[in-house]
Amino acid sequence: MKNITVSVPEEVYRKARIYAAQSDTSVSRLVSEYLQSIGDRDVALSEAADARERIAARITGFSAAKRLTRDEVHDRGALR
């Protein structure tokens, strides 16, 4: 476990101590959990980006540049 020093305004620290006391925890635990959540969020965002790339790589034969005519769009028989 690493110790860090953080400087915050007195009012922020006072509010954090009150919140921590009401939550039956410490300011140190609050900061630790917050920093952990940042790491977790970054991992989740990275995993989501990787999933999007894998899905996009599986899509073939589609081009947004290919335009359908009005008749093709409304031809219900072609969709069956």
PDB file of N, CA and C in Angstrom:
ATOM      1  N   MET A   1       0.864  -1.168   0.000  1.00  0.00           N
ATOM      2  CA  MET A   1       0.000   0.000   0.000  1.00  0.00           C
ATOM      3  C   MET A   1       0.906   1.225   0.000  1.00  0.00           C
ATOM      4  N   LYS A   2       0.623   2.186  -0.879  1.00  0.00           N
ATOM      5  CA  LYS A   2       1.397   3.423  -0.979  1.00  0.00           C
ATOM      6  C   LYS A   2       0.665   4.543  -0.265  1.00  0.00           C
ATOM      7  N   ASN A   3       1.426   5.390   0.393  1.00  0.00           N
ATOM      8  CA  ASN A   3       0.865   6.589   1.015  1.00  0.00           C
ATOM      9  C   ASN A   3       1.084   7.765   0.081  1.00  0.00           C
ATOM     10  N   ILE A   4       0.083   8.640  -0.025  1.00  0.00           N
ATOM     11  CA  ILE A   4       0.211   9.846  -0.830  1.00  0.00           C
ATOM     12  C   ILE A   4      -0.225  11.041   0.013  1.00  0.00           C
ATOM     13  N   THR A   5       0.237  12.202  -0.380  1.00  0.00           N
ATOM     14  CA  THR A   5      -0.167  13.433   0.282  1.00  0.00           C
ATOM     15  C   THR A   5      -0.972  14.250  -0.716  1.00  0.00           C
ATOM     16  N   VAL A   6      -2.129  14.692  -0.298  1.00  0.00           N
ATOM     17  CA  VAL A   6      -3.015  15.471  -1.163  1.00  0.00           C
ATOM     18  C   VAL A   6      -3.365  16.758  -0.435  1.00  0.00           C
ATOM     19  N   SER A   7      -3.265  17.860  -1.139  1.00  0.00           N
ATOM     20  CA  SER A   7      -3.642  19.149  -0.558  1.00  0.00           C
ATOM     21  C   SER A   7      -5.008  19.552  -1.090  1.00  0.00           C
ATOM     22  N   VAL A   8      -5.912  19.858  -0.169  1.00  0.00           N
ATOM     23  CA  VAL A   8      -7.250  20.314  -0.544  1.00  0.00           C
ATOM     24  C   VAL A   8      -7.605  21.513   0.337  1.00  0.00           C
ATOM     25  N   PRO A   9      -8.516  22.341  -0.133  1.00  0.00           N
ATOM     26  CA  PRO A   9      -8.960  23.458   0.701  1.00  0.00           C
ATOM     27  C   PRO A   9      -9.603  22.955   1.999  1.00  0.00           C
ATOM     28  N   GLU A  10      -9.491  23.753   3.043  1.00  0.00           N
ATOM     29  CA  GLU A  10     -10.036  23.385   4.358  1.00  0.00           C
ATOM     30  C   GLU A  10     -11.497  22.957   4.282  1.00  0.00           C
ATOM     31  N   GLU A  11     -12.302  23.708   3.540  1.00  0.00           N
ATOM     32  CA  GLU A  11     -13.736  23.419   3.452  1.00  0.00           C
ATOM     33  C   GLU A  11     -13.984  22.060   2.798  1.00  0.00           C
ATOM     34  N   VAL A  12     -13.200  21.731   1.786  1.00  0.00           N
ATOM     35  CA  VAL A  12     -13.333  20.425   1.122  1.00  0.00           C
ATOM     36  C   VAL A  12     -12.991  19.317   2.116  1.00  0.00           C
ATOM     37  N   TYR A  13     -11.912  19.497   2.860  1.00  0.00           N
ATOM     38  CA  TYR A  13     -11.507  18.497   3.839  1.00  0.00           C
ATOM     39  C   TYR A  13     -12.566  18.343   4.933  1.00  0.00           C
ATOM     40  N   ARG A  14     -13.107  19.453   5.395  1.00  0.00           N
ATOM     41  CA  ARG A  14     -14.144  19.404   6.433  1.00  0.00           C
ATOM     42  C   ARG A  14     -15.353  18.618   5.947  1.00  0.00           C
ATOM     43  N   LYS A  15     -15.801  18.909   4.733  1.00  0.00           N
ATOM     44  CA  LYS A  15     -16.957  18.194   4.178  1.00  0.00           C
ATOM     45  C   LYS A  15     -16.653  16.709   3.975  1.00  0.00           C
ATOM     46  N   ALA A  16     -15.425  16.418   3.559  1.00  0.00           N
ATOM     47  CA  ALA A  16     -15.029  15.024   3.358  1.00  0.00           C
ATOM     48  C   ALA A  16     -15.018  14.268   4.687  1.00  0.00           C
ATOM     49  N   ARG A  17     -14.536  14.899   5.742  1.00  0.00           N
ATOM     50  CA  ARG A  17     -14.525  14.260   7.067  1.00  0.00           C
ATOM     51  C   ARG A  17     -15.946  13.992   7.552  1.00  0.00           C
ATOM     52  N   ILE A  18     -16.840  14.961   7.332  1.00  0.00           N
ATOM     53  CA  ILE A  18     -18.240  14.785   7.740  1.00  0.00           C
ATOM     54  C   ILE A  18     -18.865  13.625   6.960  1.00  0.00           C
ATOM     55  N   TYR A  19     -18.654  13.630   5.645  1.00  0.00           N
ATOM     56  CA  TYR A  19     -19.216  12.573   4.806  1.00  0.00           C
ATOM     57  C   TYR A  19     -18.657  11.207   5.225  1.00  0.00           C
ATOM     58  N   ALA A  20     -17.347  11.137   5.457  1.00  0.00           N
ATOM     59  CA  ALA A  20     -16.723   9.889   5.863  1.00  0.00           C
ATOM     60  C   ALA A  20     -17.300   9.399   7.191  1.00  0.00           C
ATOM     61  N   ALA A  21     -17.474  10.312   8.142  1.00  0.00           N
ATOM     62  CA  ALA A  21     -18.031   9.924   9.443  1.00  0.00           C
ATOM     63  C   ALA A  21     -19.454   9.396   9.281  1.00  0.00           C
ATOM     64  N   GLN A  22     -20.241  10.055   8.456  1.00  0.00           N
ATOM     65  CA  GLN A  22     -21.617   9.610   8.224  1.00  0.00           C
ATOM     66  C   GLN A  22     -21.651   8.260   7.513  1.00  0.00           C
ATOM     67  N   SER A  23     -20.622   7.982   6.747  1.00  0.00           N
ATOM     68  CA  SER A  23     -20.544   6.717   6.009  1.00  0.00           C
ATOM     69  C   SER A  23     -19.780   5.648   6.778  1.00  0.00           C
ATOM     70  N   ASP A  24     -19.391   5.965   8.013  1.00  0.00           N
ATOM     71  CA  ASP A  24     -18.659   5.041   8.870  1.00  0.00           C
ATOM     72  C   ASP A  24     -17.384   4.547   8.194  1.00  0.00           C
ATOM     73  N   THR A  25     -16.617   5.486   7.624  1.00  0.00           N
ATOM     74  CA  THR A  25     -15.357   5.166   6.963  1.00  0.00           C
ATOM     75  C   THR A  25     -14.385   6.308   7.209  1.00  0.00           C
ATOM     76  N   SER A  26     -13.272   6.299   6.506  1.00  0.00           N
ATOM     77  CA  SER A  26     -12.268   7.352   6.658  1.00  0.00           C
ATOM     78  C   SER A  26     -12.122   8.133   5.355  1.00  0.00           C
ATOM     79  N   VAL A  27     -11.535   9.316   5.476  1.00  0.00           N
ATOM     80  CA  VAL A  27     -11.262  10.112   4.272  1.00  0.00           C
ATOM     81  C   VAL A  27     -10.281   9.345   3.390  1.00  0.00           C
ATOM     82  N   SER A  28      -9.309   8.701   4.011  1.00  0.00           N
ATOM     83  CA  SER A  28      -8.345   7.912   3.258  1.00  0.00           C
ATOM     84  C   SER A  28      -9.045   6.813   2.447  1.00  0.00           C
ATOM     85  N   ARG A  29     -10.009   6.133   3.053  1.00  0.00           N
ATOM     86  CA  ARG A  29     -10.754   5.076   2.356  1.00  0.00           C
ATOM     87  C   ARG A  29     -11.575   5.670   1.217  1.00  0.00           C
ATOM     88  N   LEU A  30     -12.188   6.829   1.437  1.00  0.00           N
ATOM     89  CA  LEU A  30     -12.961   7.491   0.376  1.00  0.00           C
ATOM     90  C   LEU A  30     -12.075   7.796  -0.825  1.00  0.00           C
ATOM     91  N   VAL A  31     -10.890   8.356  -0.557  1.00  0.00           N
ATOM     92  CA  VAL A  31      -9.964   8.705  -1.643  1.00  0.00           C
ATOM     93  C   VAL A  31      -9.501   7.444  -2.353  1.00  0.00           C
ATOM     94  N   SER A  32      -9.164   6.422  -1.595  1.00  0.00           N
ATOM     95  CA  SER A  32      -8.717   5.164  -2.178  1.00  0.00           C
ATOM     96  C   SER A  32      -9.783   4.556  -3.087  1.00  0.00           C
ATOM     97  N   GLU A  33     -11.032   4.524  -2.604  1.00  0.00           N
ATOM     98  CA  GLU A  33     -12.122   3.964  -3.406  1.00  0.00           C
ATOM     99  C   GLU A  33     -12.373   4.796  -4.663  1.00  0.00           C
ATOM    100  N   TYR A  34     -12.249   6.121  -4.530  1.00  0.00           N
ATOM    101  CA  TYR A  34     -12.442   6.981  -5.706  1.00  0.00           C
ATOM    102  C   TYR A  34     -11.359   6.699  -6.744  1.00  0.00           C
ATOM    103  N   LEU A  35     -10.112   6.633  -6.319  1.00  0.00           N
ATOM    104  CA  LEU A  35      -9.021   6.377  -7.257  1.00  0.00           C
ATOM    105  C   LEU A  35      -9.166   5.002  -7.897  1.00  0.00           C
ATOM    106  N   GLN A  36      -9.621   4.029  -7.123  1.00  0.00           N
ATOM    107  CA  GLN A  36      -9.862   2.695  -7.676  1.00  0.00           C
ATOM    108  C   GLN A  36     -10.957   2.737  -8.736  1.00  0.00           C
ATOM    109  N   SER A  37     -12.012   3.526  -8.493  1.00  0.00           N
ATOM    110  CA  SER A  37     -13.111   3.607  -9.460  1.00  0.00           C
ATOM    111  C   SER A  37     -12.655   4.222 -10.778  1.00  0.00           C
ATOM    112  N   ILE A  38     -11.689   5.142 -10.706  1.00  0.00           N
ATOM    113  CA  ILE A  38     -11.151   5.724 -11.942  1.00  0.00           C
ATOM    114  C   ILE A  38     -10.459   4.637 -12.759  1.00  0.00           C
ATOM    115  N   GLY A  39      -9.647   3.830 -12.091  1.00  0.00           N
ATOM    116  CA  GLY A  39      -8.970   2.736 -12.785  1.00  0.00           C
ATOM    117  C   GLY A  39      -9.943   1.732 -13.355  1.00  0.00           C
ATOM    118  N   ASP A  40     -10.957   1.389 -12.578  1.00  0.00           N
ATOM    119  CA  ASP A  40     -11.973   0.442 -13.049  1.00  0.00           C
ATOM    120  C   ASP A  40     -12.705   0.988 -14.266  1.00  0.00           C
ATOM    121  N   ARG A  41     -13.037   2.286 -14.234  1.00  0.00           N
ATOM    122  CA  ARG A  41     -13.749   2.905 -15.353  1.00  0.00           C
ATOM    123  C   ARG A  41     -12.881   2.888 -16.606  1.00  0.00           C
ATOM    124  N   ASP A  42     -11.591   3.191 -16.450  1.00  0.00           N
ATOM    125  CA  ASP A  42     -10.696   3.180 -17.602  1.00  0.00           C
ATOM    126  C   ASP A  42     -10.591   1.791 -18.218  1.00  0.00           C
ATOM    127  N   VAL A  43     -10.540   0.769 -17.369  1.00  0.00           N
ATOM    128  CA  VAL A  43     -10.483  -0.610 -17.860  1.00  0.00           C
ATOM    129  C   VAL A  43     -11.778  -0.938 -18.602  1.00  0.00           C
ATOM    130  N   ALA A  44     -12.908  -0.558 -18.036  1.00  0.00           N
ATOM    131  CA  ALA A  44     -14.201  -0.845 -18.673  1.00  0.00           C
ATOM    132  C   ALA A  44     -14.310  -0.132 -20.017  1.00  0.00           C
ATOM    133  N   LEU A  45     -13.859   1.119 -20.078  1.00  0.00           N
ATOM    134  CA  LEU A  45     -13.905   1.858 -21.349  1.00  0.00           C
ATOM    135  C   LEU A  45     -13.000   1.221 -22.384  1.00  0.00           C
ATOM    136  N   SER A  46     -11.840   0.769 -21.956  1.00  0.00           N
ATOM    137  CA  SER A  46     -10.913   0.110 -22.867  1.00  0.00           C
ATOM    138  C   SER A  46     -11.499  -1.208 -23.379  1.00  0.00           C
ATOM    139  N   GLU A  47     -12.115  -1.968 -22.489  1.00  0.00           N
ATOM    140  CA  GLU A  47     -12.734  -3.231 -22.894  1.00  0.00           C
ATOM    141  C   GLU A  47     -13.890  -2.990 -23.855  1.00  0.00           C
ATOM    142  N   ALA A  48     -14.667  -1.934 -23.627  1.00  0.00           N
ATOM    143  CA  ALA A  48     -15.777  -1.609 -24.524  1.00  0.00           C
ATOM    144  C   ALA A  48     -15.252  -1.214 -25.899  1.00  0.00           C
ATOM    145  N   ALA A  49     -14.179  -0.444 -25.933  1.00  0.00           N
ATOM    146  CA  ALA A  49     -13.585  -0.047 -27.218  1.00  0.00           C
ATOM    147  C   ALA A  49     -13.070  -1.271 -27.963  1.00  0.00           C
ATOM    148  N   ASP A  50     -12.429  -2.188 -27.246  1.00  0.00           N
ATOM    149  CA  ASP A  50     -11.947  -3.421 -27.875  1.00  0.00           C
ATOM    150  C   ASP A  50     -13.106  -4.236 -28.431  1.00  0.00           C
ATOM    151  N   ALA A  51     -14.198  -4.321 -27.696  1.00  0.00           N
ATOM    152  CA  ALA A  51     -15.376  -5.067 -28.157  1.00  0.00           C
ATOM    153  C   ALA A  51     -15.956  -4.433 -29.412  1.00  0.00           C
ATOM    154  N   ARG A  52     -16.047  -3.092 -29.435  1.00  0.00           N
ATOM    155  CA  ARG A  52     -16.557  -2.410 -30.633  1.00  0.00           C
ATOM    156  C   ARG A  52     -15.680  -2.712 -31.842  1.00  0.00           C
ATOM    157  N   GLU A  53     -14.367  -2.706 -31.651  1.00  0.00           N
ATOM    158  CA  GLU A  53     -13.458  -2.993 -32.760  1.00  0.00           C
ATOM    159  C   GLU A  53     -13.624  -4.425 -33.260  1.00  0.00           C
ATOM    160  N   ARG A  54     -13.777  -5.381 -32.331  1.00  0.00           N
ATOM    161  CA  ARG A  54     -13.971  -6.780 -32.737  1.00  0.00           C
ATOM    162  C   ARG A  54     -15.271  -6.937 -33.530  1.00  0.00           C
ATOM    163  N   ILE A  55     -16.332  -6.282 -33.070  1.00  0.00           N
ATOM    164  CA  ILE A  55     -17.623  -6.375 -33.760  1.00  0.00           C
ATOM    165  C   ILE A  55     -17.536  -5.720 -35.135  1.00  0.00           C
ATOM    166  N   ALA A  56     -16.920  -4.554 -35.198  1.00  0.00           N
ATOM    167  CA  ALA A  56     -16.787  -3.845 -36.475  1.00  0.00           C
ATOM    168  C   ALA A  56     -15.980  -4.673 -37.473  1.00  0.00           C
ATOM    169  N   ALA A  57     -14.967  -5.380 -36.996  1.00  0.00           N
ATOM    170  CA  ALA A  57     -14.140  -6.203 -37.881  1.00  0.00           C
ATOM    171  C   ALA A  57     -14.930  -7.366 -38.471  1.00  0.00           C
ATOM    172  N   ARG A  58     -15.973  -7.821 -37.772  1.00  0.00           N
ATOM    173  CA  ARG A  58     -16.787  -8.940 -38.263  1.00  0.00           C
ATOM    174  C   ARG A  58     -17.826  -8.510 -39.288  1.00  0.00           C
ATOM    175  N   ILE A  59     -18.091  -7.217 -39.379  1.00  0.00           N
ATOM    176  CA  ILE A  59     -19.095  -6.722 -40.324  1.00  0.00           C
ATOM    177  C   ILE A  59     -18.443  -6.587 -41.698  1.00  0.00           C
ATOM    178  N   THR A  60     -18.942  -7.358 -42.638  1.00  0.00           N
ATOM    179  CA  THR A  60     -18.408  -7.297 -44.000  1.00  0.00           C
ATOM    180  C   THR A  60     -19.557  -7.051 -44.970  1.00  0.00           C
ATOM    181  N   GLY A  61     -19.228  -6.539 -46.106  1.00  0.00           N
ATOM    182  CA  GLY A  61     -20.226  -6.334 -47.153  1.00  0.00           C
ATOM    183  C   GLY A  61     -21.154  -5.165 -46.902  1.00  0.00           C
ATOM    184  N   PHE A  62     -20.795  -4.304 -45.993  1.00  0.00           N
ATOM    185  CA  PHE A  62     -21.628  -3.139 -45.718  1.00  0.00           C
ATOM    186  C   PHE A  62     -20.822  -1.889 -45.985  1.00  0.00           C
ATOM    187  N   SER A  63     -21.462  -0.962 -46.671  1.00  0.00           N
ATOM    188  CA  SER A  63     -20.826   0.325 -46.911  1.00  0.00           C
ATOM    189  C   SER A  63     -21.869   1.413 -46.727  1.00  0.00           C
ATOM    190  N   ALA A  64     -21.582   2.360 -45.890  1.00  0.00           N
ATOM    191  CA  ALA A  64     -22.506   3.468 -45.682  1.00  0.00           C
ATOM    192  C   ALA A  64     -22.616   4.323 -46.931  1.00  0.00           C
ATOM    193  N   ALA A  65     -21.625   4.203 -47.817  1.00  0.00           N
ATOM    194  CA  ALA A  65     -21.641   4.983 -49.047  1.00  0.00           C
ATOM    195  C   ALA A  65     -22.648   4.428 -50.054  1.00  0.00           C
ATOM    196  N   LYS A  66     -23.016   3.154 -49.909  1.00  0.00           N
ATOM    197  CA  LYS A  66     -23.980   2.553 -50.824  1.00  0.00           C
ATOM    198  C   LYS A  66     -25.367   3.087 -50.472  1.00  0.00           C
ATOM    199  N   ARG A  67     -25.956   3.757 -51.407  1.00  0.00           N
ATOM    200  CA  ARG A  67     -27.280   4.345 -51.192  1.00  0.00           C
ATOM    201  C   ARG A  67     -28.350   3.492 -51.871  1.00  0.00           C
ATOM    202  N   LEU A  68     -29.452   3.304 -51.173  1.00  0.00           N
ATOM    203  CA  LEU A  68     -30.591   2.611 -51.754  1.00  0.00           C
ATOM    204  C   LEU A  68     -31.492   3.632 -52.423  1.00  0.00           C
ATOM    205  N   THR A  69     -32.100   3.203 -53.500  1.00  0.00           N
ATOM    206  CA  THR A  69     -33.077   4.083 -54.136  1.00  0.00           C
ATOM    207  C   THR A  69     -34.351   4.052 -53.303  1.00  0.00           C
ATOM    208  N   ARG A  70     -35.231   4.975 -53.572  1.00  0.00           N
ATOM    209  CA  ARG A  70     -36.511   5.024 -52.847  1.00  0.00           C
ATOM    210  C   ARG A  70     -37.280   3.721 -53.053  1.00  0.00           C
ATOM    211  N   ASP A  71     -37.265   3.206 -54.284  1.00  0.00           N
ATOM    212  CA  ASP A  71     -37.962   1.947 -54.576  1.00  0.00           C
ATOM    213  C   ASP A  71     -37.348   0.774 -53.798  1.00  0.00           C
ATOM    214  N   GLU A  72     -36.015   0.746 -53.698  1.00  0.00           N
ATOM    215  CA  GLU A  72     -35.371  -0.334 -52.947  1.00  0.00           C
ATOM    216  C   GLU A  72     -35.715  -0.262 -51.459  1.00  0.00           C
ATOM    217  N   VAL A  73     -35.776   0.941 -50.939  1.00  0.00           N
ATOM    218  CA  VAL A  73     -36.099   1.117 -49.524  1.00  0.00           C
ATOM    219  C   VAL A  73     -37.501   0.612 -49.225  1.00  0.00           C
ATOM    220  N   HIS A  74     -38.437   0.853 -50.127  1.00  0.00           N
ATOM    221  CA  HIS A  74     -39.838   0.518 -49.879  1.00  0.00           C
ATOM    222  C   HIS A  74     -40.261  -0.816 -50.487  1.00  0.00           C
ATOM    223  N   ASP A  75     -39.332  -1.557 -51.067  1.00  0.00           N
ATOM    224  CA  ASP A  75     -39.656  -2.858 -51.664  1.00  0.00           C
ATOM    225  C   ASP A  75     -39.637  -3.908 -50.559  1.00  0.00           C
ATOM    226  N   ARG A  76     -40.798  -4.178 -50.006  1.00  0.00           N
ATOM    227  CA  ARG A  76     -40.902  -5.108 -48.886  1.00  0.00           C
ATOM    228  C   ARG A  76     -40.568  -6.532 -49.306  1.00  0.00           C
ATOM    229  N   GLY A  77     -40.786  -6.876 -50.529  1.00  0.00           N
ATOM    230  CA  GLY A  77     -40.498  -8.213 -51.009  1.00  0.00           C
ATOM    231  C   GLY A  77     -38.998  -8.523 -50.979  1.00  0.00           C
ATOM    232  N   ALA A  78     -38.174  -7.512 -51.133  1.00  0.00           N
ATOM    233  CA  ALA A  78     -36.729  -7.723 -51.152  1.00  0.00           C
ATOM    234  C   ALA A  78     -36.186  -8.054 -49.762  1.00  0.00           C
ATOM    235  N   LEU A  79     -36.934  -7.704 -48.719  1.00  0.00           N
ATOM    236  CA  LEU A  79     -36.467  -7.946 -47.370  1.00  0.00           C
ATOM    237  C   LEU A  79     -36.782  -9.350 -46.882  1.00  0.00           C
ATOM    238  N   ARG A  80     -37.578 -10.075 -47.599  1.00  0.00           N
ATOM    239  CA  ARG A  80     -37.973 -11.426 -47.164  1.00  0.00           C
ATOM    240  C   ARG A  80     -37.014 -12.469 -47.584  1.00  0.00           C
TER     241      ARG A  80
END
